[in-house]
Amino acid sequence: MVSAAPAPDPRAHILDVATRLFAARGFGDTSLQLIADEVGVTKQAVLHHFSSKEALRQAVIDVILDHWRDVLPRVLLAAAASEDRFDAVLGELYRFFAADPDRGRLLVRESFDRPAEVKRVLAESVRPWLDAVASYITRGREAGHHHADVDPEVYVLHVMQLVITATASASVLDAAIAPGSDARARYERELMRIARASLFKPATHHERGKRRRGEP
């Protein structure tokens, strides 16, 4: 007897639909009723999980921030250790946004539609990460692993922008890439190369071996 597939988590389904609609239409032009209709439930069912549209919007943003809070500390540790580990962890962050481009599109739209709110989120949730980044990359510079002129805070902001905008606009920019090639894979490889090359100094064969082994 074949077991039935597990029922989708209704709260997660609402979050996925809300992310897509907020990204496509904007928060102001997306009603709770529209979200309910797309999910296939009543508006009251949506309000059972989220007390208001604003609470739903915050939950959508929190999904993205929670992932960053999990991944970014490992990005920092990897940046201080080896290029291979750096690629692996930053690649995970890229694939999180690539798996659902609406996440990046939502952040871009929010920055234009609600700049004051996005500034608050950056100050409260991103600012502490930047302080941590600065200390790790500074140590890397002192150890001779990173370029001496890299600006730690601004470097991470640029990498974040690369990840968000590359994944948000990939479906449009694909048209400019030669037909028949794996555009998404090329996007990821080139982003990794840019991020790595602008942080890590060229290493000798001996130094590359030590970095791969995680040795100082």
C-alpha atoms as a PDB file:
ATOM      1  CA  MET A   1       0.000   0.000   0.000  1.00  0.00           C
ATOM      2  CA  VAL A   2       1.404   3.365  -1.021  1.00  0.00           C
ATOM      3  CA  SER A   3       1.255   5.928   1.762  1.00  0.00           C
ATOM      4  CA  ALA A   4      -0.349   9.261   0.985  1.00  0.00           C
ATOM      5  CA  ALA A   5       1.923  12.243   0.544  1.00  0.00           C
ATOM      6  CA  PRO A   6       1.985  14.492   3.611  1.00  0.00           C
ATOM      7  CA  ALA A   7      -0.384  17.440   3.469  1.00  0.00           C
ATOM      8  CA  PRO A   8       1.382  20.761   2.829  1.00  0.00           C
ATOM      9  CA  ASP A   9       1.975  22.941   5.862  1.00  0.00           C
ATOM     10  CA  PRO A  10      -0.770  25.606   5.546  1.00  0.00           C
ATOM     11  CA  ARG A  11       1.316  28.282   7.262  1.00  0.00           C
ATOM     12  CA  ALA A  12       4.292  27.637   4.968  1.00  0.00           C
ATOM     13  CA  HIS A  13       1.988  27.643   1.942  1.00  0.00           C
ATOM     14  CA  ILE A  14       0.564  31.021   2.944  1.00  0.00           C
ATOM     15  CA  LEU A  15       4.106  32.393   3.367  1.00  0.00           C
ATOM     16  CA  ASP A  16       5.143  31.138  -0.079  1.00  0.00           C
ATOM     17  CA  VAL A  17       2.100  32.677  -1.778  1.00  0.00           C
ATOM     18  CA  ALA A  18       2.466  35.944   0.135  1.00  0.00           C
ATOM     19  CA  THR A  19       6.139  36.167  -0.845  1.00  0.00           C
ATOM     20  CA  ARG A  20       5.247  35.735  -4.520  1.00  0.00           C
ATOM     21  CA  LEU A  21       2.391  38.242  -4.479  1.00  0.00           C
ATOM     22  CA  PHE A  22       4.210  40.861  -2.403  1.00  0.00           C
ATOM     23  CA  ALA A  23       7.167  40.585  -4.808  1.00  0.00           C
ATOM     24  CA  ALA A  24       4.978  40.838  -7.925  1.00  0.00           C
ATOM     25  CA  ARG A  25       2.389  43.399  -6.818  1.00  0.00           C
ATOM     26  CA  GLY A  26       3.858  45.164  -3.808  1.00  0.00           C
ATOM     27  CA  PHE A  27       2.566  45.085  -0.260  1.00  0.00           C
ATOM     28  CA  GLY A  28       0.011  47.880  -0.790  1.00  0.00           C
ATOM     29  CA  ASP A  29      -1.619  46.246  -3.807  1.00  0.00           C
ATOM     30  CA  THR A  30      -1.845  42.778  -2.281  1.00  0.00           C
ATOM     31  CA  SER A  31      -4.893  42.126  -0.126  1.00  0.00           C
ATOM     32  CA  LEU A  32      -5.335  39.337   2.383  1.00  0.00           C
ATOM     33  CA  GLN A  33      -8.322  38.193   0.342  1.00  0.00           C
ATOM     34  CA  LEU A  34      -6.135  37.838  -2.752  1.00  0.00           C
ATOM     35  CA  ILE A  35      -3.616  35.797  -0.776  1.00  0.00           C
ATOM     36  CA  ALA A  36      -6.419  33.611   0.607  1.00  0.00           C
ATOM     37  CA  ASP A  37      -7.833  33.061  -2.873  1.00  0.00           C
ATOM     38  CA  GLU A  38      -4.429  32.046  -4.235  1.00  0.00           C
ATOM     39  CA  VAL A  39      -3.867  29.646  -1.329  1.00  0.00           C
ATOM     40  CA  GLY A  40      -7.385  28.247  -1.678  1.00  0.00           C
ATOM     41  CA  VAL A  41      -8.615  29.072   1.815  1.00  0.00           C
ATOM     42  CA  THR A  42     -10.775  31.722   3.428  1.00  0.00           C
ATOM     43  CA  LYS A  43      -9.424  35.064   4.575  1.00  0.00           C
ATOM     44  CA  GLN A  44     -10.252  34.002   8.130  1.00  0.00           C
ATOM     45  CA  ALA A  45      -8.021  30.956   7.684  1.00  0.00           C
ATOM     46  CA  VAL A  46      -5.122  33.256   6.790  1.00  0.00           C
ATOM     47  CA  LEU A  47      -5.853  35.387   9.854  1.00  0.00           C
ATOM     48  CA  HIS A  48      -5.801  32.236  11.968  1.00  0.00           C
ATOM     49  CA  HIS A  49      -2.065  31.957  11.255  1.00  0.00           C
ATOM     50  CA  PHE A  50      -1.244  35.670  10.936  1.00  0.00           C
ATOM     51  CA  SER A  51      -3.122  38.313  12.916  1.00  0.00           C
ATOM     52  CA  SER A  52      -2.871  40.952  10.152  1.00  0.00           C
ATOM     53  CA  LYS A  53      -1.372  41.636   6.736  1.00  0.00           C
ATOM     54  CA  GLU A  54       1.491  43.462   8.435  1.00  0.00           C
ATOM     55  CA  ALA A  55       2.151  40.417  10.622  1.00  0.00           C
ATOM     56  CA  LEU A  56       2.214  38.274   7.475  1.00  0.00           C
ATOM     57  CA  ARG A  57       4.634  40.654   5.783  1.00  0.00           C
ATOM     58  CA  GLN A  58       6.915  40.527   8.833  1.00  0.00           C
ATOM     59  CA  ALA A  59       6.812  36.730   8.814  1.00  0.00           C
ATOM     60  CA  VAL A  60       7.818  36.702   5.129  1.00  0.00           C
ATOM     61  CA  ILE A  61      10.800  38.969   5.877  1.00  0.00           C
ATOM     62  CA  ASP A  62      11.712  36.882   8.937  1.00  0.00           C
ATOM     63  CA  VAL A  63      12.043  33.733   6.807  1.00  0.00           C
ATOM     64  CA  ILE A  64      14.753  35.476   4.795  1.00  0.00           C
ATOM     65  CA  LEU A  65      16.471  37.035   7.807  1.00  0.00           C
ATOM     66  CA  ASP A  66      16.428  33.772   9.758  1.00  0.00           C
ATOM     67  CA  HIS A  67      18.242  32.034   6.915  1.00  0.00           C
ATOM     68  CA  TRP A  68      20.833  34.780   6.801  1.00  0.00           C
ATOM     69  CA  ARG A  69      21.327  34.570  10.555  1.00  0.00           C
ATOM     70  CA  ASP A  70      22.052  30.877  10.131  1.00  0.00           C
ATOM     71  CA  VAL A  71      24.288  31.061   7.055  1.00  0.00           C
ATOM     72  CA  LEU A  72      26.228  34.300   7.507  1.00  0.00           C
ATOM     73  CA  PRO A  73      28.177  33.289  10.639  1.00  0.00           C
ATOM     74  CA  ARG A  74      29.422  30.265   8.687  1.00  0.00           C
ATOM     75  CA  VAL A  75      30.284  32.507   5.739  1.00  0.00           C
ATOM     76  CA  LEU A  76      32.433  34.577   8.069  1.00  0.00           C
ATOM     77  CA  LEU A  77      34.209  31.574   9.537  1.00  0.00           C
ATOM     78  CA  ALA A  78      34.758  30.187   6.045  1.00  0.00           C
ATOM     79  CA  ALA A  79      36.136  33.521   4.827  1.00  0.00           C
ATOM     80  CA  ALA A  80      38.748  33.390   7.551  1.00  0.00           C
ATOM     81  CA  ALA A  81      39.632  29.773   6.831  1.00  0.00           C
ATOM     82  CA  SER A  82      39.768  28.740   3.181  1.00  0.00           C
ATOM     83  CA  GLU A  83      38.527  29.644  -0.300  1.00  0.00           C
ATOM     84  CA  ASP A  84      36.893  26.246  -0.753  1.00  0.00           C
ATOM     85  CA  ARG A  85      34.815  26.574   2.400  1.00  0.00           C
ATOM     86  CA  PHE A  86      33.984  30.160   1.480  1.00  0.00           C
ATOM     87  CA  ASP A  87      32.662  29.038  -1.913  1.00  0.00           C
ATOM     88  CA  ALA A  88      30.599  26.249  -0.361  1.00  0.00           C
ATOM     89  CA  VAL A  89      28.863  28.395   2.238  1.00  0.00           C
ATOM     90  CA  LEU A  90      28.344  31.446   0.033  1.00  0.00           C
ATOM     91  CA  GLY A  91      27.011  29.088  -2.620  1.00  0.00           C
ATOM     92  CA  GLU A  92      24.425  27.871  -0.124  1.00  0.00           C
ATOM     93  CA  LEU A  93      23.253  31.435   0.423  1.00  0.00           C
ATOM     94  CA  TYR A  94      23.066  32.000  -3.343  1.00  0.00           C
ATOM     95  CA  ARG A  95      21.036  28.846  -3.873  1.00  0.00           C
ATOM     96  CA  PHE A  96      18.589  29.847  -1.133  1.00  0.00           C
ATOM     97  CA  PHE A  97      17.642  32.912  -3.197  1.00  0.00           C
ATOM     98  CA  ALA A  98      17.949  31.105  -6.535  1.00  0.00           C
ATOM     99  CA  ALA A  99      15.499  28.446  -5.333  1.00  0.00           C
ATOM    100  CA  ASP A 100      12.829  31.129  -4.981  1.00  0.00           C
ATOM    101  CA  PRO A 101      13.727  34.315  -6.908  1.00  0.00           C
ATOM    102  CA  ASP A 102      10.708  36.045  -5.357  1.00  0.00           C
ATOM    103  CA  ARG A 103      12.707  36.351  -2.142  1.00  0.00           C
ATOM    104  CA  GLY A 104      15.209  38.640  -3.849  1.00  0.00           C
ATOM    105  CA  ARG A 105      12.504  40.442  -5.814  1.00  0.00           C
ATOM    106  CA  LEU A 106      10.625  41.124  -2.600  1.00  0.00           C
ATOM    107  CA  LEU A 107      13.680  42.688  -0.946  1.00  0.00           C
ATOM    108  CA  VAL A 108      14.330  44.870  -3.996  1.00  0.00           C
ATOM    109  CA  ARG A 109      10.694  45.999  -4.142  1.00  0.00           C
ATOM    110  CA  GLU A 110      10.575  46.664  -0.410  1.00  0.00           C
ATOM    111  CA  SER A 111      13.667  48.880  -0.628  1.00  0.00           C
ATOM    112  CA  PHE A 112      11.797  51.134  -3.067  1.00  0.00           C
ATOM    113  CA  ASP A 113       8.269  50.877  -1.678  1.00  0.00           C
ATOM    114  CA  ARG A 114       9.083  51.039   2.040  1.00  0.00           C
ATOM    115  CA  PRO A 115      12.605  52.480   2.377  1.00  0.00           C
ATOM    116  CA  ALA A 116      12.162  53.648   5.975  1.00  0.00           C
ATOM    117  CA  GLU A 117      11.109  50.177   7.065  1.00  0.00           C
ATOM    118  CA  VAL A 118      13.959  48.504   5.188  1.00  0.00           C
ATOM    119  CA  LYS A 119      16.424  50.905   6.805  1.00  0.00           C
ATOM    120  CA  ARG A 120      15.075  49.881  10.217  1.00  0.00           C
ATOM    121  CA  VAL A 121      15.482  46.186   9.395  1.00  0.00           C
ATOM    122  CA  LEU A 122      19.028  46.779   8.146  1.00  0.00           C
ATOM    123  CA  ALA A 123      19.949  48.707  11.272  1.00  0.00           C
ATOM    124  CA  GLU A 124      18.460  46.135  13.636  1.00  0.00           C
ATOM    125  CA  SER A 125      19.176  42.855  11.864  1.00  0.00           C
ATOM    126  CA  VAL A 126      22.059  43.404   9.439  1.00  0.00           C
ATOM    127  CA  ARG A 127      24.209  45.883  11.336  1.00  0.00           C
ATOM    128  CA  PRO A 128      25.363  43.282  13.915  1.00  0.00           C
ATOM    129  CA  TRP A 129      26.455  40.965  11.085  1.00  0.00           C
ATOM    130  CA  LEU A 130      28.543  43.708   9.517  1.00  0.00           C
ATOM    131  CA  ASP A 131      30.380  44.247  12.798  1.00  0.00           C
ATOM    132  CA  ALA A 132      31.179  40.536  12.919  1.00  0.00           C
ATOM    133  CA  VAL A 133      32.301  40.549   9.286  1.00  0.00           C
ATOM    134  CA  ALA A 134      34.649  43.440   9.938  1.00  0.00           C
ATOM    135  CA  SER A 135      36.451  41.571  12.685  1.00  0.00           C
ATOM    136  CA  TYR A 136      36.848  38.343  10.690  1.00  0.00           C
ATOM    137  CA  ILE A 137      38.046  40.027   7.519  1.00  0.00           C
ATOM    138  CA  THR A 138      40.369  42.281   9.483  1.00  0.00           C
ATOM    139  CA  ARG A 139      41.969  39.166  10.958  1.00  0.00           C
ATOM    140  CA  GLY A 140      42.258  37.735   7.469  1.00  0.00           C
ATOM    141  CA  ARG A 141      44.010  40.885   6.285  1.00  0.00           C
ATOM    142  CA  GLU A 142      46.421  40.749   9.209  1.00  0.00           C
ATOM    143  CA  ALA A 143      47.181  37.105   8.425  1.00  0.00           C
ATOM    144  CA  GLY A 144      47.836  38.015   4.790  1.00  0.00           C
ATOM    145  CA  HIS A 145      44.881  36.024   3.402  1.00  0.00           C
ATOM    146  CA  HIS A 146      42.763  38.991   2.284  1.00  0.00           C
ATOM    147  CA  HIS A 147      43.529  42.046   0.180  1.00  0.00           C
ATOM    148  CA  ALA A 148      44.865  44.868   2.318  1.00  0.00           C
ATOM    149  CA  ASP A 149      42.517  47.445   0.799  1.00  0.00           C
ATOM    150  CA  VAL A 150      39.262  45.487   1.188  1.00  0.00           C
ATOM    151  CA  ASP A 151      36.567  47.407   3.098  1.00  0.00           C
ATOM    152  CA  PRO A 152      34.952  44.656   5.215  1.00  0.00           C
ATOM    153  CA  GLU A 153      31.512  46.198   5.719  1.00  0.00           C
ATOM    154  CA  VAL A 154      31.082  47.468   2.179  1.00  0.00           C
ATOM    155  CA  TYR A 155      32.466  44.227   0.733  1.00  0.00           C
ATOM    156  CA  VAL A 156      29.716  42.193   2.411  1.00  0.00           C
ATOM    157  CA  LEU A 157      27.028  44.670   1.330  1.00  0.00           C
ATOM    158  CA  HIS A 158      28.194  44.343  -2.273  1.00  0.00           C
ATOM    159  CA  VAL A 159      28.170  40.556  -2.077  1.00  0.00           C
ATOM    160  CA  MET A 160      24.656  40.641  -0.612  1.00  0.00           C
ATOM    161  CA  GLN A 161      23.548  42.905  -3.453  1.00  0.00           C
ATOM    162  CA  LEU A 162      25.136  40.590  -6.014  1.00  0.00           C
ATOM    163  CA  VAL A 163      23.303  37.585  -4.603  1.00  0.00           C
ATOM    164  CA  ILE A 164      19.936  39.349  -4.351  1.00  0.00           C
ATOM    165  CA  THR A 165      19.960  41.117  -7.711  1.00  0.00           C
ATOM    166  CA  ALA A 166      21.499  38.198  -9.620  1.00  0.00           C
ATOM    167  CA  THR A 167      18.836  35.777  -8.425  1.00  0.00           C
ATOM    168  CA  ALA A 168      15.979  38.283  -8.686  1.00  0.00           C
ATOM    169  CA  SER A 169      16.743  39.210 -12.300  1.00  0.00           C
ATOM    170  CA  ALA A 170      18.186  35.941 -13.608  1.00  0.00           C
ATOM    171  CA  SER A 171      15.053  34.933 -15.523  1.00  0.00           C
ATOM    172  CA  VAL A 172      15.229  38.214 -17.483  1.00  0.00           C
ATOM    173  CA  LEU A 173      18.978  38.370 -17.991  1.00  0.00           C
ATOM    174  CA  ASP A 174      19.066  34.776 -19.229  1.00  0.00           C
ATOM    175  CA  ALA A 175      17.979  36.156 -22.604  1.00  0.00           C
ATOM    176  CA  ALA A 176      21.341  37.906 -23.001  1.00  0.00           C
ATOM    177  CA  ILE A 177      23.352  34.710 -22.468  1.00  0.00           C
ATOM    178  CA  ALA A 178      24.213  32.392 -25.349  1.00  0.00           C
ATOM    179  CA  PRO A 179      21.419  29.878 -26.007  1.00  0.00           C
ATOM    180  CA  GLY A 180      22.087  26.311 -24.979  1.00  0.00           C
ATOM    181  CA  SER A 181      24.304  27.171 -22.016  1.00  0.00           C
ATOM    182  CA  ASP A 182      23.410  26.606 -18.374  1.00  0.00           C
ATOM    183  CA  ALA A 183      22.870  30.264 -17.508  1.00  0.00           C
ATOM    184  CA  ARG A 184      22.014  29.701 -13.847  1.00  0.00           C
ATOM    185  CA  ALA A 185      25.137  27.644 -13.195  1.00  0.00           C
ATOM    186  CA  ARG A 186      27.251  30.263 -14.969  1.00  0.00           C
ATOM    187  CA  TYR A 187      25.666  32.987 -12.853  1.00  0.00           C
ATOM    188  CA  GLU A 188      26.600  31.156  -9.667  1.00  0.00           C
ATOM    189  CA  ARG A 189      30.154  30.317 -10.745  1.00  0.00           C
ATOM    190  CA  GLU A 190      30.904  33.877 -11.796  1.00  0.00           C
ATOM    191  CA  LEU A 191      29.435  35.377  -8.646  1.00  0.00           C
ATOM    192  CA  MET A 192      31.589  33.009  -6.558  1.00  0.00           C
ATOM    193  CA  ARG A 193      34.656  33.986  -8.587  1.00  0.00           C
ATOM    194  CA  ILE A 194      34.016  37.712  -8.153  1.00  0.00           C
ATOM    195  CA  ALA A 195      33.369  37.367  -4.417  1.00  0.00           C
ATOM    196  CA  ARG A 196      36.427  35.172  -3.896  1.00  0.00           C
ATOM    197  CA  ALA A 197      38.844  37.174  -6.043  1.00  0.00           C
ATOM    198  CA  SER A 198      37.902  40.479  -4.445  1.00  0.00           C
ATOM    199  CA  LEU A 199      38.526  39.100  -0.946  1.00  0.00           C
ATOM    200  CA  PHE A 200      41.343  36.528  -1.084  1.00  0.00           C
ATOM    201  CA  LYS A 201      44.850  37.435  -2.191  1.00  0.00           C
ATOM    202  CA  PRO A 202      46.420  35.181  -4.844  1.00  0.00           C
ATOM    203  CA  ALA A 203      48.140  32.393  -2.973  1.00  0.00           C
ATOM    204  CA  THR A 204      51.200  30.291  -3.678  1.00  0.00           C
ATOM    205  CA  HIS A 205      50.743  26.539  -4.148  1.00  0.00           C
ATOM    206  CA  HIS A 206      51.887  25.970  -0.548  1.00  0.00           C
ATOM    207  CA  GLU A 207      49.504  28.593   0.813  1.00  0.00           C
ATOM    208  CA  ARG A 208      46.579  27.165  -1.177  1.00  0.00           C
ATOM    209  CA  GLY A 209      47.246  23.767   0.370  1.00  0.00           C
ATOM    210  CA  LYS A 210      47.250  25.222   3.863  1.00  0.00           C
ATOM    211  CA  ARG A 211      44.020  27.106   3.211  1.00  0.00           C
ATOM    212  CA  ARG A 212      42.276  23.978   1.948  1.00  0.00           C
ATOM    213  CA  ARG A 213      43.344  22.201   5.119  1.00  0.00           C
ATOM    214  CA  GLY A 214      42.067  25.131   7.215  1.00  0.00           C
ATOM    215  CA  GLU A 215      45.530  25.872   8.581  1.00  0.00           C
ATOM    216  CA  PRO A 216      46.524  29.459   9.536  1.00  0.00           C
END
